[in-house]
Amino acid sequence: MGAIFRKANRSDVPAIALLADDDLGRDREGIGATLSESYRRAFDAIEADPRQLLVVGEHENGNVVATLQISLIPYLTHGGCERAQIEGVRVRSDLRGNGIGERMIEWTVDHARRHGCSTVQPTTDKRRVDAQRFYERLGFAPTHEGMKLEL
């Protein structure tokens, strides 16, 4: 099963609701018109920021089947390197295990290299054990512990 990865456009926003296509996402994302409008506002902010990229994986039939967001972040540490942070990674649940996620991450790593990044760092919830195994299989190492304060 193939997918083409490209920059998302505003008409993709309803399909990006696949972020709610798992147990954690369902609880966090909610559903309905409010979700769509908040996604549209977020999309507009991402679209306006040249250091952000919202990506979709489009199946050959035109359906969006995957998504992620890349944030290019300049750092003063590590000699002033640039990093690519990956968040909001999802492949439609009925298509997981078909290589789409792996190809999407490879596409993202290539994007980061083309933009001069020295590091690519995905984030994942500690409860997403399968996602952690997925990233480790692709060569990512769990080198840091992240912390959050919900506001």
N, C-alpha and C. Protein backbone atom coordinates (compact mmCIF):
# COMPACT_ATOMS: atom_id res chain seq x y z
N MET A 1 0.84 -1.17 0.00
CA MET A 1 0.00 0.00 0.00
C MET A 1 0.89 1.23 0.00
N GLY A 2 0.67 2.12 -0.92
CA GLY A 2 1.51 3.29 -1.04
C GLY A 2 0.85 4.55 -0.55
N ALA A 3 1.66 5.52 -0.26
CA ALA A 3 1.18 6.85 0.11
C ALA A 3 2.20 7.85 -0.40
N ILE A 4 1.71 9.00 -0.79
CA ILE A 4 2.54 10.12 -1.20
C ILE A 4 2.50 11.13 -0.08
N PHE A 5 3.67 11.62 0.33
CA PHE A 5 3.75 12.57 1.44
C PHE A 5 3.92 13.97 0.87
N ARG A 6 3.14 14.89 1.41
CA ARG A 6 3.14 16.25 0.91
C ARG A 6 2.72 17.20 2.02
N LYS A 7 2.97 18.47 1.77
CA LYS A 7 2.52 19.52 2.67
C LYS A 7 0.99 19.52 2.68
N ALA A 8 0.43 19.58 3.86
CA ALA A 8 -1.04 19.61 3.99
C ALA A 8 -1.57 20.96 3.51
N ASN A 9 -2.77 20.94 3.01
CA ASN A 9 -3.46 22.19 2.69
C ASN A 9 -4.73 22.27 3.53
N ARG A 10 -5.34 23.44 3.52
CA ARG A 10 -6.49 23.68 4.41
C ARG A 10 -7.62 22.68 4.18
N SER A 11 -7.79 22.23 2.95
CA SER A 11 -8.87 21.27 2.68
C SER A 11 -8.58 19.89 3.29
N ASP A 12 -7.35 19.65 3.75
CA ASP A 12 -7.01 18.39 4.41
C ASP A 12 -7.40 18.37 5.89
N VAL A 13 -7.74 19.52 6.45
CA VAL A 13 -7.96 19.62 7.89
C VAL A 13 -9.00 18.61 8.39
N PRO A 14 -10.16 18.45 7.76
CA PRO A 14 -11.10 17.45 8.29
C PRO A 14 -10.51 16.04 8.34
N ALA A 15 -9.71 15.68 7.36
CA ALA A 15 -9.11 14.34 7.33
C ALA A 15 -8.05 14.17 8.41
N ILE A 16 -7.44 15.28 8.83
CA ILE A 16 -6.40 15.21 9.87
C ILE A 16 -7.02 14.87 11.23
N ALA A 17 -8.33 14.84 11.29
CA ALA A 17 -9.00 14.39 12.51
C ALA A 17 -8.63 12.95 12.85
N LEU A 18 -7.91 12.27 11.97
CA LEU A 18 -7.43 10.93 12.29
C LEU A 18 -6.49 10.96 13.49
N LEU A 19 -6.12 12.14 13.96
CA LEU A 19 -5.36 12.24 15.20
C LEU A 19 -6.14 11.63 16.37
N ALA A 20 -7.45 11.54 16.22
CA ALA A 20 -8.29 10.94 17.27
C ALA A 20 -8.50 9.45 17.03
N ASP A 21 -7.76 8.86 16.11
CA ASP A 21 -7.97 7.47 15.70
C ASP A 21 -7.18 6.48 16.54
N ASP A 22 -7.21 6.66 17.85
CA ASP A 22 -6.68 5.67 18.79
C ASP A 22 -7.19 6.04 20.18
N ASP A 23 -6.93 5.19 21.16
CA ASP A 23 -7.49 5.40 22.49
C ASP A 23 -7.07 6.72 23.11
N LEU A 24 -5.79 7.04 23.07
CA LEU A 24 -5.31 8.29 23.67
C LEU A 24 -5.84 9.50 22.91
N GLY A 25 -5.80 9.43 21.59
CA GLY A 25 -6.25 10.55 20.77
C GLY A 25 -7.74 10.80 20.91
N ARG A 26 -8.53 9.74 21.02
CA ARG A 26 -9.97 9.90 21.16
C ARG A 26 -10.30 10.72 22.40
N ASP A 27 -9.64 10.41 23.50
CA ASP A 27 -9.89 11.14 24.75
C ASP A 27 -9.38 12.57 24.66
N ARG A 28 -8.25 12.77 24.03
CA ARG A 28 -7.62 14.08 23.99
C ARG A 28 -8.23 15.01 22.96
N GLU A 29 -8.53 14.50 21.78
CA GLU A 29 -8.92 15.35 20.67
C GLU A 29 -10.39 15.76 20.68
N GLY A 30 -11.28 14.93 21.20
CA GLY A 30 -12.70 15.25 21.14
C GLY A 30 -13.21 15.06 19.72
N ILE A 31 -14.43 15.46 19.47
CA ILE A 31 -15.03 15.30 18.14
C ILE A 31 -15.94 16.48 17.84
N GLY A 32 -16.34 16.60 16.58
CA GLY A 32 -17.37 17.55 16.19
C GLY A 32 -16.86 18.87 15.65
N ALA A 33 -17.79 19.83 15.52
CA ALA A 33 -17.51 21.11 14.88
C ALA A 33 -16.43 21.89 15.63
N THR A 34 -16.43 21.83 16.96
CA THR A 34 -15.42 22.55 17.73
C THR A 34 -14.03 22.06 17.37
N LEU A 35 -13.90 20.76 17.25
CA LEU A 35 -12.62 20.18 16.86
C LEU A 35 -12.20 20.71 15.50
N SER A 36 -13.09 20.68 14.54
CA SER A 36 -12.75 21.13 13.20
C SER A 36 -12.34 22.60 13.19
N GLU A 37 -13.07 23.44 13.91
CA GLU A 37 -12.72 24.86 13.93
C GLU A 37 -11.40 25.10 14.65
N SER A 38 -11.15 24.40 15.74
CA SER A 38 -9.87 24.58 16.43
C SER A 38 -8.72 24.06 15.57
N TYR A 39 -8.94 22.97 14.84
CA TYR A 39 -7.93 22.48 13.90
C TYR A 39 -7.67 23.51 12.81
N ARG A 40 -8.72 24.15 12.31
CA ARG A 40 -8.53 25.16 11.25
C ARG A 40 -7.71 26.35 11.76
N ARG A 41 -7.98 26.79 12.98
CA ARG A 41 -7.18 27.89 13.56
C ARG A 41 -5.73 27.46 13.72
N ALA A 42 -5.52 26.25 14.21
CA ALA A 42 -4.15 25.76 14.37
C ALA A 42 -3.48 25.62 13.01
N PHE A 43 -4.21 25.10 12.01
CA PHE A 43 -3.64 24.96 10.68
C PHE A 43 -3.19 26.32 10.15
N ASP A 44 -4.02 27.35 10.32
CA ASP A 44 -3.66 28.68 9.82
C ASP A 44 -2.38 29.19 10.48
N ALA A 45 -2.23 28.94 11.78
CA ALA A 45 -1.01 29.36 12.49
C ALA A 45 0.21 28.58 11.98
N ILE A 46 0.06 27.28 11.78
CA ILE A 46 1.15 26.45 11.26
C ILE A 46 1.52 26.91 9.86
N GLU A 47 0.52 27.14 9.04
CA GLU A 47 0.74 27.55 7.65
C GLU A 47 1.49 28.89 7.57
N ALA A 48 1.24 29.77 8.54
CA ALA A 48 1.86 31.10 8.53
C ALA A 48 3.30 31.09 9.03
N ASP A 49 3.73 29.99 9.65
CA ASP A 49 5.06 29.91 10.26
C ASP A 49 5.98 29.08 9.35
N PRO A 50 6.99 29.69 8.76
CA PRO A 50 7.86 28.96 7.83
C PRO A 50 8.69 27.86 8.50
N ARG A 51 8.73 27.82 9.82
CA ARG A 51 9.51 26.79 10.52
C ARG A 51 8.65 25.59 10.91
N GLN A 52 7.38 25.62 10.48
CA GLN A 52 6.45 24.53 10.77
C GLN A 52 6.00 23.89 9.47
N LEU A 53 5.77 22.60 9.51
CA LEU A 53 5.26 21.90 8.33
C LEU A 53 4.30 20.82 8.79
N LEU A 54 3.09 20.89 8.30
CA LEU A 54 2.11 19.85 8.54
C LEU A 54 2.09 18.97 7.30
N VAL A 55 2.31 17.68 7.49
CA VAL A 55 2.45 16.73 6.39
C VAL A 55 1.28 15.76 6.42
N VAL A 56 0.82 15.39 5.23
CA VAL A 56 -0.16 14.32 5.13
C VAL A 56 0.39 13.25 4.20
N GLY A 57 -0.04 12.04 4.46
CA GLY A 57 0.21 10.92 3.57
C GLY A 57 -1.08 10.67 2.83
N GLU A 58 -1.00 10.74 1.53
CA GLU A 58 -2.20 10.60 0.70
C GLU A 58 -2.12 9.27 -0.04
N HIS A 59 -3.15 8.47 0.13
CA HIS A 59 -3.25 7.19 -0.57
C HIS A 59 -3.48 7.45 -2.06
N GLU A 60 -3.15 6.49 -2.91
CA GLU A 60 -3.32 6.71 -4.35
C GLU A 60 -4.76 7.01 -4.74
N ASN A 61 -5.73 6.69 -3.88
CA ASN A 61 -7.13 7.03 -4.18
C ASN A 61 -7.49 8.45 -3.75
N GLY A 62 -6.50 9.20 -3.22
CA GLY A 62 -6.73 10.59 -2.83
C GLY A 62 -7.09 10.78 -1.37
N ASN A 63 -7.32 9.70 -0.62
CA ASN A 63 -7.67 9.82 0.79
C ASN A 63 -6.43 10.07 1.64
N VAL A 64 -6.57 10.95 2.62
CA VAL A 64 -5.49 11.19 3.59
C VAL A 64 -5.50 10.03 4.58
N VAL A 65 -4.34 9.36 4.70
CA VAL A 65 -4.25 8.18 5.56
C VAL A 65 -3.19 8.33 6.65
N ALA A 66 -2.47 9.44 6.67
CA ALA A 66 -1.42 9.64 7.66
C ALA A 66 -1.15 11.13 7.80
N THR A 67 -0.57 11.49 8.95
CA THR A 67 -0.20 12.89 9.17
C THR A 67 0.90 12.98 10.21
N LEU A 68 1.59 14.09 10.21
CA LEU A 68 2.53 14.46 11.26
C LEU A 68 2.87 15.93 11.10
N GLN A 69 3.45 16.49 12.14
CA GLN A 69 3.91 17.88 12.11
C GLN A 69 5.40 17.91 12.40
N ILE A 70 6.11 18.71 11.61
CA ILE A 70 7.54 18.93 11.79
C ILE A 70 7.76 20.37 12.23
N SER A 71 8.52 20.56 13.30
CA SER A 71 8.90 21.90 13.75
C SER A 71 10.41 22.00 13.68
N LEU A 72 10.91 22.97 12.93
CA LEU A 72 12.35 23.23 12.85
C LEU A 72 12.69 24.21 13.95
N ILE A 73 13.61 23.79 14.83
CA ILE A 73 13.89 24.56 16.03
C ILE A 73 15.38 24.86 16.11
N PRO A 74 15.78 26.14 16.12
CA PRO A 74 17.19 26.47 16.33
C PRO A 74 17.53 26.34 17.82
N TYR A 75 18.71 25.82 18.12
CA TYR A 75 19.15 25.64 19.51
C TYR A 75 20.50 26.30 19.71
N LEU A 76 20.73 26.78 20.92
CA LEU A 76 22.06 27.28 21.27
C LEU A 76 22.94 26.14 21.75
N THR A 77 22.35 25.05 22.20
CA THR A 77 23.15 23.91 22.65
C THR A 77 23.67 23.14 21.43
N HIS A 78 24.60 22.26 21.70
CA HIS A 78 25.20 21.43 20.64
C HIS A 78 25.74 22.30 19.50
N GLY A 79 26.37 23.38 19.87
CA GLY A 79 27.01 24.23 18.87
C GLY A 79 26.05 25.04 18.01
N GLY A 80 24.86 25.29 18.51
CA GLY A 80 23.91 26.08 17.74
C GLY A 80 23.24 25.30 16.62
N CYS A 81 23.01 24.04 16.84
CA CYS A 81 22.42 23.20 15.79
C CYS A 81 20.93 23.50 15.61
N GLU A 82 20.42 23.00 14.55
CA GLU A 82 18.99 23.06 14.26
C GLU A 82 18.44 21.65 14.42
N ARG A 83 17.24 21.55 15.01
CA ARG A 83 16.61 20.26 15.22
C ARG A 83 15.26 20.22 14.55
N ALA A 84 14.84 19.03 14.19
CA ALA A 84 13.49 18.83 13.68
C ALA A 84 12.73 18.02 14.72
N GLN A 85 11.70 18.61 15.25
CA GLN A 85 10.84 17.91 16.20
C GLN A 85 9.63 17.38 15.44
N ILE A 86 9.29 16.12 15.69
CA ILE A 86 8.16 15.48 15.02
C ILE A 86 7.09 15.19 16.07
N GLU A 87 5.87 15.63 15.79
CA GLU A 87 4.76 15.38 16.70
C GLU A 87 3.50 15.06 15.90
N GLY A 88 2.51 14.58 16.62
CA GLY A 88 1.21 14.33 16.00
C GLY A 88 1.28 13.30 14.88
N VAL A 89 2.08 12.27 15.08
CA VAL A 89 2.25 11.24 14.05
C VAL A 89 1.08 10.26 14.14
N ARG A 90 0.40 10.07 13.03
CA ARG A 90 -0.68 9.08 12.97
C ARG A 90 -0.78 8.47 11.59
N VAL A 91 -1.04 7.20 11.58
CA VAL A 91 -1.44 6.47 10.39
C VAL A 91 -2.82 5.92 10.70
N ARG A 92 -3.71 5.99 9.73
CA ARG A 92 -5.06 5.50 9.95
C ARG A 92 -5.00 4.08 10.51
N SER A 93 -5.79 3.81 11.53
CA SER A 93 -5.65 2.57 12.30
C SER A 93 -5.78 1.31 11.44
N ASP A 94 -6.63 1.31 10.44
CA ASP A 94 -6.79 0.10 9.63
C ASP A 94 -5.64 -0.11 8.66
N LEU A 95 -4.72 0.86 8.57
CA LEU A 95 -3.59 0.74 7.66
C LEU A 95 -2.25 0.61 8.37
N ARG A 96 -2.27 0.61 9.69
CA ARG A 96 -1.02 0.47 10.44
C ARG A 96 -0.39 -0.89 10.17
N GLY A 97 0.93 -0.91 10.16
CA GLY A 97 1.66 -2.15 9.91
C GLY A 97 1.94 -2.41 8.43
N ASN A 98 1.57 -1.45 7.57
CA ASN A 98 1.78 -1.61 6.13
C ASN A 98 2.97 -0.83 5.59
N GLY A 99 3.79 -0.24 6.49
CA GLY A 99 4.98 0.49 6.06
C GLY A 99 4.76 1.97 5.80
N ILE A 100 3.54 2.44 5.91
CA ILE A 100 3.28 3.87 5.65
C ILE A 100 4.01 4.74 6.67
N GLY A 101 3.91 4.38 7.95
CA GLY A 101 4.58 5.16 8.99
C GLY A 101 6.08 5.20 8.80
N GLU A 102 6.68 4.07 8.48
CA GLU A 102 8.12 4.02 8.27
C GLU A 102 8.52 4.92 7.10
N ARG A 103 7.80 4.85 6.00
CA ARG A 103 8.12 5.70 4.85
C ARG A 103 7.90 7.18 5.18
N MET A 104 6.89 7.49 5.98
CA MET A 104 6.63 8.88 6.35
C MET A 104 7.77 9.42 7.23
N ILE A 105 8.26 8.62 8.16
CA ILE A 105 9.39 9.05 8.99
C ILE A 105 10.65 9.20 8.14
N GLU A 106 10.90 8.28 7.22
CA GLU A 106 12.05 8.42 6.31
C GLU A 106 11.94 9.71 5.51
N TRP A 107 10.76 10.03 5.02
CA TRP A 107 10.52 11.28 4.28
C TRP A 107 10.84 12.48 5.18
N THR A 108 10.43 12.38 6.44
CA THR A 108 10.65 13.47 7.40
C THR A 108 12.13 13.65 7.72
N VAL A 109 12.85 12.55 7.90
CA VAL A 109 14.29 12.64 8.16
C VAL A 109 14.99 13.27 6.96
N ASP A 110 14.62 12.89 5.75
CA ASP A 110 15.19 13.52 4.54
C ASP A 110 14.88 15.01 4.51
N HIS A 111 13.66 15.39 4.87
CA HIS A 111 13.28 16.81 4.94
C HIS A 111 14.19 17.54 5.93
N ALA A 112 14.42 16.94 7.09
CA ALA A 112 15.27 17.55 8.11
C ALA A 112 16.70 17.72 7.61
N ARG A 113 17.23 16.71 6.93
CA ARG A 113 18.58 16.82 6.38
C ARG A 113 18.66 17.96 5.36
N ARG A 114 17.67 18.04 4.48
CA ARG A 114 17.66 19.10 3.46
C ARG A 114 17.62 20.49 4.09
N HIS A 115 17.08 20.59 5.30
CA HIS A 115 17.00 21.87 5.99
C HIS A 115 18.13 22.08 7.00
N GLY A 116 19.16 21.23 6.91
CA GLY A 116 20.37 21.43 7.72
C GLY A 116 20.25 21.01 9.17
N CYS A 117 19.28 20.21 9.51
CA CYS A 117 19.12 19.77 10.90
C CYS A 117 20.17 18.72 11.24
N SER A 118 20.63 18.78 12.49
CA SER A 118 21.59 17.77 12.95
C SER A 118 20.91 16.70 13.79
N THR A 119 19.68 16.94 14.17
CA THR A 119 18.96 16.01 15.03
C THR A 119 17.49 15.97 14.61
N VAL A 120 16.91 14.78 14.68
CA VAL A 120 15.47 14.62 14.51
C VAL A 120 14.96 13.96 15.78
N GLN A 121 13.95 14.57 16.38
CA GLN A 121 13.47 14.04 17.65
C GLN A 121 11.94 13.93 17.65
N PRO A 122 11.46 12.70 17.57
CA PRO A 122 10.02 12.50 17.69
C PRO A 122 9.61 12.51 19.16
N THR A 123 8.40 12.92 19.41
CA THR A 123 7.85 12.79 20.76
C THR A 123 6.74 11.76 20.71
N THR A 124 6.58 11.04 21.81
CA THR A 124 5.47 10.10 21.92
C THR A 124 5.12 9.94 23.39
N ASP A 125 3.86 9.74 23.63
CA ASP A 125 3.36 9.52 24.98
C ASP A 125 3.97 8.23 25.53
N LYS A 126 4.33 8.24 26.80
CA LYS A 126 4.94 7.05 27.41
C LYS A 126 4.04 5.83 27.33
N ARG A 127 2.73 6.07 27.23
CA ARG A 127 1.79 4.94 27.15
C ARG A 127 1.76 4.33 25.75
N ARG A 128 2.38 4.95 24.78
CA ARG A 128 2.40 4.43 23.41
C ARG A 128 3.62 3.52 23.21
N VAL A 129 3.56 2.38 23.82
CA VAL A 129 4.68 1.42 23.80
C VAL A 129 4.97 0.98 22.37
N ASP A 130 3.92 0.73 21.58
CA ASP A 130 4.14 0.33 20.19
C ASP A 130 4.86 1.43 19.41
N ALA A 131 4.51 2.68 19.65
CA ALA A 131 5.18 3.80 18.97
C ALA A 131 6.64 3.87 19.38
N GLN A 132 6.93 3.65 20.65
CA GLN A 132 8.32 3.66 21.10
C GLN A 132 9.13 2.58 20.41
N ARG A 133 8.55 1.38 20.31
CA ARG A 133 9.24 0.29 19.61
C ARG A 133 9.45 0.63 18.14
N PHE A 134 8.44 1.26 17.53
CA PHE A 134 8.52 1.68 16.12
C PHE A 134 9.71 2.62 15.92
N TYR A 135 9.82 3.67 16.75
CA TYR A 135 10.91 4.63 16.60
C TYR A 135 12.27 3.97 16.85
N GLU A 136 12.35 3.12 17.85
CA GLU A 136 13.62 2.44 18.13
C GLU A 136 14.03 1.55 16.97
N ARG A 137 13.06 0.88 16.34
CA ARG A 137 13.35 0.04 15.17
C ARG A 137 13.92 0.87 14.03
N LEU A 138 13.52 2.15 13.96
CA LEU A 138 14.01 3.03 12.90
C LEU A 138 15.32 3.73 13.27
N GLY A 139 15.88 3.40 14.44
CA GLY A 139 17.18 3.94 14.82
C GLY A 139 17.15 5.07 15.84
N PHE A 140 15.98 5.47 16.29
CA PHE A 140 15.89 6.51 17.30
C PHE A 140 16.19 5.91 18.67
N ALA A 141 16.84 6.69 19.53
CA ALA A 141 17.21 6.21 20.86
C ALA A 141 16.51 7.07 21.92
N PRO A 142 16.02 6.44 22.98
CA PRO A 142 15.36 7.19 24.06
C PRO A 142 16.40 7.83 24.99
N THR A 143 16.98 8.94 24.56
CA THR A 143 18.10 9.54 25.28
C THR A 143 17.69 10.57 26.32
N HIS A 144 16.46 11.08 26.25
CA HIS A 144 16.04 12.14 27.16
C HIS A 144 14.68 11.81 27.78
N GLU A 145 14.42 12.41 28.89
CA GLU A 145 13.12 12.29 29.56
C GLU A 145 12.42 13.65 29.40
N GLY A 146 11.26 13.65 28.81
CA GLY A 146 10.51 14.89 28.64
C GLY A 146 9.57 15.15 29.79
N MET A 147 9.28 16.39 30.03
CA MET A 147 8.37 16.79 31.11
C MET A 147 7.34 17.76 30.52
N LYS A 148 6.14 17.76 31.07
CA LYS A 148 5.10 18.69 30.63
C LYS A 148 4.37 19.24 31.84
N LEU A 149 3.88 20.44 31.68
CA LEU A 149 2.99 21.06 32.65
C LEU A 149 1.76 21.48 31.89
N GLU A 150 0.64 20.81 32.08
CA GLU A 150 -0.60 21.15 31.39
C GLU A 150 -1.14 22.47 31.95
N LEU A 151 -1.49 23.38 31.07
CA LEU A 151 -2.03 24.68 31.49
C LEU A 151 -3.51 24.78 31.16
